[in-house]
Amino acid sequence: MDYIKEAKKLGFSNAAIMDTQKLVFKPEYRKFKMAKLAHNKLTEQLASKIMESGNTDLLIMSAGPYRHHSCMSAYCVDAQEMADAVGMICWGTDDKIRYFSQILFHGNL
């Protein structure tokens, strides 16, 4: 299954797959961000698609605490560094608000 294509079909404006060795962790990010319900629902839908394809050992991080998922900042993940690693914009000079999710999984694509 093409996870990037599935994410875009669900409504994400962009998606990428990256090696977890490129993640940057910052302990000062322990404060939770405000969550957007729609973004977190998209994250759950994409995780369901990934599970349907056979990758069932998932760790889901989304935009703020949501149900039984925590936010990336609770794991001290630097979203800017993550976006930079895959060529995405996190904080821009435009008027757009960007939210990021992360779904970790084992296995081949």
N, C-alpha and C. Protein backbone atom coordinates (compact mmCIF):
# COMPACT_ATOMS: atom_id res chain seq x y z
N MET A 1 0.84 -1.17 0.00
CA MET A 1 0.00 0.00 0.00
C MET A 1 0.89 1.24 0.00
N ASP A 2 0.50 2.24 -0.75
CA ASP A 2 1.22 3.52 -0.80
C ASP A 2 0.64 4.43 0.28
N TYR A 3 1.33 4.52 1.41
CA TYR A 3 0.83 5.28 2.55
C TYR A 3 0.72 6.78 2.26
N ILE A 4 1.59 7.30 1.46
CA ILE A 4 1.53 8.71 1.10
C ILE A 4 0.27 8.98 0.29
N LYS A 5 0.01 8.14 -0.67
CA LYS A 5 -1.20 8.29 -1.48
C LYS A 5 -2.46 8.16 -0.62
N GLU A 6 -2.46 7.20 0.32
CA GLU A 6 -3.60 7.02 1.21
C GLU A 6 -3.82 8.25 2.09
N ALA A 7 -2.74 8.83 2.60
CA ALA A 7 -2.86 10.03 3.44
C ALA A 7 -3.50 11.17 2.65
N LYS A 8 -3.07 11.37 1.42
CA LYS A 8 -3.61 12.45 0.60
C LYS A 8 -5.07 12.19 0.23
N LYS A 9 -5.43 10.92 -0.01
CA LYS A 9 -6.82 10.59 -0.31
C LYS A 9 -7.72 10.90 0.88
N LEU A 10 -7.19 10.75 2.10
CA LEU A 10 -7.97 11.03 3.30
C LEU A 10 -8.14 12.52 3.56
N GLY A 11 -7.26 13.35 2.98
CA GLY A 11 -7.38 14.79 3.18
C GLY A 11 -6.16 15.49 3.73
N PHE A 12 -5.08 14.75 4.02
CA PHE A 12 -3.85 15.41 4.43
C PHE A 12 -3.32 16.19 3.23
N SER A 13 -2.79 17.40 3.47
CA SER A 13 -2.27 18.20 2.36
C SER A 13 -0.92 17.69 1.89
N ASN A 14 -0.20 16.98 2.75
CA ASN A 14 1.09 16.42 2.38
C ASN A 14 1.39 15.25 3.29
N ALA A 15 2.31 14.41 2.88
CA ALA A 15 2.72 13.26 3.68
C ALA A 15 4.11 12.83 3.24
N ALA A 16 4.81 12.17 4.12
CA ALA A 16 6.16 11.68 3.80
C ALA A 16 6.47 10.50 4.70
N ILE A 17 7.42 9.71 4.26
CA ILE A 17 7.94 8.61 5.07
C ILE A 17 9.42 8.90 5.28
N MET A 18 9.85 8.82 6.53
CA MET A 18 11.25 9.11 6.83
C MET A 18 11.81 8.06 7.78
N ASP A 19 13.11 7.92 7.76
CA ASP A 19 13.82 7.04 8.67
C ASP A 19 13.78 7.67 10.06
N THR A 20 13.44 6.91 11.08
CA THR A 20 13.34 7.46 12.43
C THR A 20 14.68 7.95 12.98
N GLN A 21 15.77 7.56 12.37
CA GLN A 21 17.08 8.06 12.80
C GLN A 21 17.21 9.56 12.55
N LYS A 22 16.36 10.11 11.70
CA LYS A 22 16.40 11.55 11.41
C LYS A 22 15.58 12.37 12.40
N LEU A 23 14.83 11.72 13.31
CA LEU A 23 14.03 12.46 14.29
C LEU A 23 14.93 13.18 15.27
N VAL A 24 14.54 14.40 15.63
CA VAL A 24 15.27 15.19 16.62
C VAL A 24 14.39 15.34 17.85
N PHE A 25 14.93 15.02 19.00
CA PHE A 25 14.18 15.09 20.25
C PHE A 25 14.68 16.25 21.10
N LYS A 26 13.73 17.00 21.68
CA LYS A 26 14.04 18.14 22.54
C LYS A 26 13.22 18.02 23.82
N PRO A 27 13.87 17.71 24.93
CA PRO A 27 13.14 17.51 26.19
C PRO A 27 12.30 18.70 26.63
N GLU A 28 12.64 19.90 26.22
CA GLU A 28 11.87 21.09 26.63
C GLU A 28 10.48 21.13 26.00
N TYR A 29 10.16 20.20 25.12
CA TYR A 29 8.85 20.17 24.46
C TYR A 29 7.81 19.38 25.24
N ARG A 30 7.96 19.27 26.55
CA ARG A 30 7.04 18.47 27.35
C ARG A 30 5.65 19.09 27.47
N LYS A 31 5.48 20.35 27.11
CA LYS A 31 4.16 20.98 27.18
C LYS A 31 3.31 20.51 26.00
N PHE A 32 2.05 20.23 26.24
CA PHE A 32 1.15 19.79 25.18
C PHE A 32 0.72 20.97 24.31
N LYS A 33 0.61 20.70 23.01
CA LYS A 33 0.03 21.68 22.07
C LYS A 33 -1.47 21.52 22.05
N MET A 34 -2.22 22.55 21.62
CA MET A 34 -3.68 22.45 21.45
C MET A 34 -3.94 21.55 20.23
N ALA A 35 -4.90 20.67 20.37
CA ALA A 35 -5.21 19.71 19.32
C ALA A 35 -6.32 20.21 18.41
N LYS A 36 -6.29 19.77 17.22
CA LYS A 36 -7.37 20.02 16.27
C LYS A 36 -8.03 18.67 16.01
N LEU A 37 -9.29 18.57 16.36
CA LEU A 37 -10.02 17.31 16.26
C LEU A 37 -9.99 16.72 14.85
N ALA A 38 -10.19 17.53 13.84
CA ALA A 38 -10.22 17.01 12.46
C ALA A 38 -8.89 16.37 12.08
N HIS A 39 -7.79 17.01 12.46
CA HIS A 39 -6.46 16.47 12.14
C HIS A 39 -6.24 15.13 12.82
N ASN A 40 -6.63 15.04 14.06
CA ASN A 40 -6.44 13.79 14.80
C ASN A 40 -7.31 12.67 14.25
N LYS A 41 -8.51 13.01 13.78
CA LYS A 41 -9.35 11.99 13.15
C LYS A 41 -8.72 11.47 11.86
N LEU A 42 -8.11 12.38 11.08
CA LEU A 42 -7.41 11.95 9.87
C LEU A 42 -6.26 11.01 10.22
N THR A 43 -5.56 11.34 11.28
CA THR A 43 -4.44 10.50 11.73
C THR A 43 -4.94 9.10 12.07
N GLU A 44 -6.07 9.01 12.78
CA GLU A 44 -6.63 7.70 13.11
C GLU A 44 -7.05 6.94 11.86
N GLN A 45 -7.64 7.64 10.91
CA GLN A 45 -8.06 6.98 9.67
C GLN A 45 -6.86 6.42 8.91
N LEU A 46 -5.77 7.20 8.83
CA LEU A 46 -4.58 6.73 8.14
C LEU A 46 -3.96 5.55 8.89
N ALA A 47 -3.94 5.60 10.20
CA ALA A 47 -3.41 4.49 10.99
C ALA A 47 -4.22 3.22 10.74
N SER A 48 -5.52 3.37 10.61
CA SER A 48 -6.38 2.21 10.29
C SER A 48 -6.01 1.61 8.95
N LYS A 49 -5.76 2.47 7.96
CA LYS A 49 -5.36 1.99 6.63
C LYS A 49 -4.03 1.25 6.72
N ILE A 50 -3.09 1.80 7.49
CA ILE A 50 -1.78 1.15 7.65
C ILE A 50 -1.95 -0.21 8.32
N MET A 51 -2.83 -0.29 9.33
CA MET A 51 -3.08 -1.56 10.00
C MET A 51 -3.73 -2.57 9.06
N GLU A 52 -4.65 -2.09 8.22
CA GLU A 52 -5.31 -2.97 7.24
C GLU A 52 -4.31 -3.58 6.28
N SER A 53 -3.20 -2.86 6.02
CA SER A 53 -2.20 -3.38 5.08
C SER A 53 -1.24 -4.35 5.73
N GLY A 54 -1.39 -4.57 7.05
CA GLY A 54 -0.56 -5.57 7.71
C GLY A 54 0.40 -5.03 8.75
N ASN A 55 0.62 -3.74 8.80
CA ASN A 55 1.50 -3.15 9.82
C ASN A 55 0.63 -2.81 11.03
N THR A 56 0.65 -3.68 12.04
CA THR A 56 -0.25 -3.50 13.18
C THR A 56 0.45 -3.00 14.44
N ASP A 57 1.77 -2.97 14.45
CA ASP A 57 2.51 -2.53 15.62
C ASP A 57 2.81 -1.04 15.48
N LEU A 58 1.79 -0.19 15.76
CA LEU A 58 1.89 1.25 15.53
C LEU A 58 2.04 2.02 16.84
N LEU A 59 2.74 3.13 16.77
CA LEU A 59 2.78 4.12 17.83
C LEU A 59 2.32 5.42 17.20
N ILE A 60 1.18 5.93 17.60
CA ILE A 60 0.59 7.11 16.96
C ILE A 60 0.80 8.34 17.83
N MET A 61 1.32 9.39 17.22
CA MET A 61 1.47 10.69 17.87
C MET A 61 0.75 11.70 17.00
N SER A 62 -0.03 12.57 17.62
CA SER A 62 -0.81 13.50 16.82
C SER A 62 -0.68 14.91 17.37
N ALA A 63 -1.55 15.81 16.92
CA ALA A 63 -1.48 17.23 17.29
C ALA A 63 -2.18 17.46 18.62
N GLY A 64 -1.50 17.17 19.68
CA GLY A 64 -2.07 17.35 21.01
C GLY A 64 -2.62 16.05 21.54
N PRO A 65 -2.85 15.95 22.83
CA PRO A 65 -3.40 14.71 23.36
C PRO A 65 -4.79 14.47 22.81
N TYR A 66 -5.03 13.24 22.39
CA TYR A 66 -6.30 12.91 21.77
C TYR A 66 -6.58 11.43 22.03
N ARG A 67 -7.70 11.17 22.66
CA ARG A 67 -8.07 9.81 23.05
C ARG A 67 -6.90 9.15 23.76
N HIS A 68 -6.41 8.04 23.24
CA HIS A 68 -5.28 7.36 23.89
C HIS A 68 -3.95 7.64 23.18
N HIS A 69 -3.91 8.67 22.33
CA HIS A 69 -2.68 9.06 21.64
C HIS A 69 -2.15 10.34 22.26
N SER A 70 -0.85 10.45 22.32
CA SER A 70 -0.24 11.66 22.84
C SER A 70 0.26 12.52 21.70
N CYS A 71 0.68 13.74 22.01
CA CYS A 71 1.20 14.63 20.97
C CYS A 71 2.69 14.38 20.79
N MET A 72 3.21 14.82 19.65
CA MET A 72 4.63 14.65 19.39
C MET A 72 5.48 15.35 20.43
N SER A 73 5.03 16.52 20.89
CA SER A 73 5.83 17.24 21.87
C SER A 73 5.94 16.48 23.19
N ALA A 74 4.96 15.65 23.51
CA ALA A 74 5.06 14.83 24.72
C ALA A 74 6.18 13.81 24.61
N TYR A 75 6.53 13.44 23.38
CA TYR A 75 7.65 12.55 23.12
C TYR A 75 8.93 13.33 22.82
N CYS A 76 8.84 14.66 22.95
CA CYS A 76 9.98 15.56 22.72
C CYS A 76 10.45 15.57 21.27
N VAL A 77 9.57 15.27 20.33
CA VAL A 77 9.92 15.29 18.91
C VAL A 77 9.85 16.72 18.39
N ASP A 78 10.88 17.16 17.70
CA ASP A 78 10.92 18.49 17.11
C ASP A 78 10.26 18.43 15.73
N ALA A 79 9.06 18.98 15.63
CA ALA A 79 8.31 18.92 14.37
C ALA A 79 9.01 19.70 13.26
N GLN A 80 9.66 20.80 13.58
CA GLN A 80 10.38 21.57 12.57
C GLN A 80 11.50 20.74 11.96
N GLU A 81 12.28 20.08 12.80
CA GLU A 81 13.37 19.23 12.31
C GLU A 81 12.82 18.07 11.48
N MET A 82 11.68 17.52 11.90
CA MET A 82 11.06 16.43 11.15
C MET A 82 10.61 16.94 9.78
N ALA A 83 9.98 18.09 9.75
CA ALA A 83 9.52 18.66 8.48
C ALA A 83 10.71 18.95 7.57
N ASP A 84 11.76 19.53 8.13
CA ASP A 84 12.97 19.81 7.34
C ASP A 84 13.54 18.54 6.72
N ALA A 85 13.54 17.44 7.48
CA ALA A 85 14.12 16.18 7.01
C ALA A 85 13.41 15.62 5.79
N VAL A 86 12.12 15.96 5.63
CA VAL A 86 11.35 15.42 4.50
C VAL A 86 10.96 16.52 3.51
N GLY A 87 11.53 17.72 3.67
CA GLY A 87 11.28 18.80 2.72
C GLY A 87 9.92 19.46 2.84
N MET A 88 9.35 19.48 4.05
CA MET A 88 8.07 20.13 4.28
C MET A 88 8.27 21.42 5.07
N ILE A 89 7.29 22.29 5.02
CA ILE A 89 7.31 23.53 5.79
C ILE A 89 6.55 23.30 7.08
N CYS A 90 7.16 23.64 8.19
CA CYS A 90 6.46 23.57 9.48
C CYS A 90 5.98 24.97 9.86
N TRP A 91 6.90 25.86 10.09
CA TRP A 91 6.58 27.25 10.41
C TRP A 91 6.95 28.09 9.21
N GLY A 92 5.96 28.73 8.59
CA GLY A 92 6.20 29.56 7.42
C GLY A 92 5.89 31.01 7.71
N THR A 93 6.14 31.84 6.74
CA THR A 93 5.85 33.27 6.89
C THR A 93 4.47 33.62 6.33
N ASP A 94 3.74 32.62 5.86
CA ASP A 94 2.39 32.86 5.36
C ASP A 94 1.39 32.78 6.52
N ASP A 95 0.13 32.82 6.20
CA ASP A 95 -0.89 32.79 7.26
C ASP A 95 -1.45 31.39 7.51
N LYS A 96 -0.75 30.36 7.06
CA LYS A 96 -1.23 28.99 7.22
C LYS A 96 -0.81 28.40 8.56
N ILE A 97 -1.70 27.60 9.12
CA ILE A 97 -1.40 26.84 10.33
C ILE A 97 -1.19 25.40 9.90
N ARG A 98 -0.11 24.84 10.31
CA ARG A 98 0.23 23.48 9.91
C ARG A 98 0.28 22.57 11.14
N TYR A 99 -0.32 21.40 11.02
CA TYR A 99 -0.29 20.40 12.08
C TYR A 99 0.37 19.16 11.53
N PHE A 100 1.12 18.49 12.36
CA PHE A 100 1.83 17.29 11.95
C PHE A 100 1.43 16.12 12.83
N SER A 101 1.36 14.97 12.21
CA SER A 101 1.18 13.71 12.92
C SER A 101 2.36 12.82 12.57
N GLN A 102 2.51 11.80 13.36
CA GLN A 102 3.59 10.86 13.12
C GLN A 102 3.06 9.48 13.49
N ILE A 103 3.24 8.54 12.60
CA ILE A 103 2.85 7.16 12.87
C ILE A 103 4.10 6.31 12.67
N LEU A 104 4.61 5.73 13.73
CA LEU A 104 5.80 4.88 13.64
C LEU A 104 5.37 3.43 13.42
N PHE A 105 6.08 2.73 12.55
CA PHE A 105 5.76 1.33 12.30
C PHE A 105 7.01 0.57 11.91
N HIS A 106 6.98 -0.73 12.14
CA HIS A 106 8.05 -1.62 11.72
C HIS A 106 7.68 -2.20 10.37
N GLY A 107 8.65 -2.52 9.58
CA GLY A 107 8.35 -3.21 8.34
C GLY A 107 8.81 -2.49 7.11
N ASN A 108 8.66 -3.18 6.02
CA ASN A 108 9.05 -2.64 4.72
C ASN A 108 7.86 -1.97 4.06
N LEU A 109 8.17 -1.07 3.18
CA LEU A 109 7.10 -0.38 2.45
C LEU A 109 6.78 -1.09 1.17
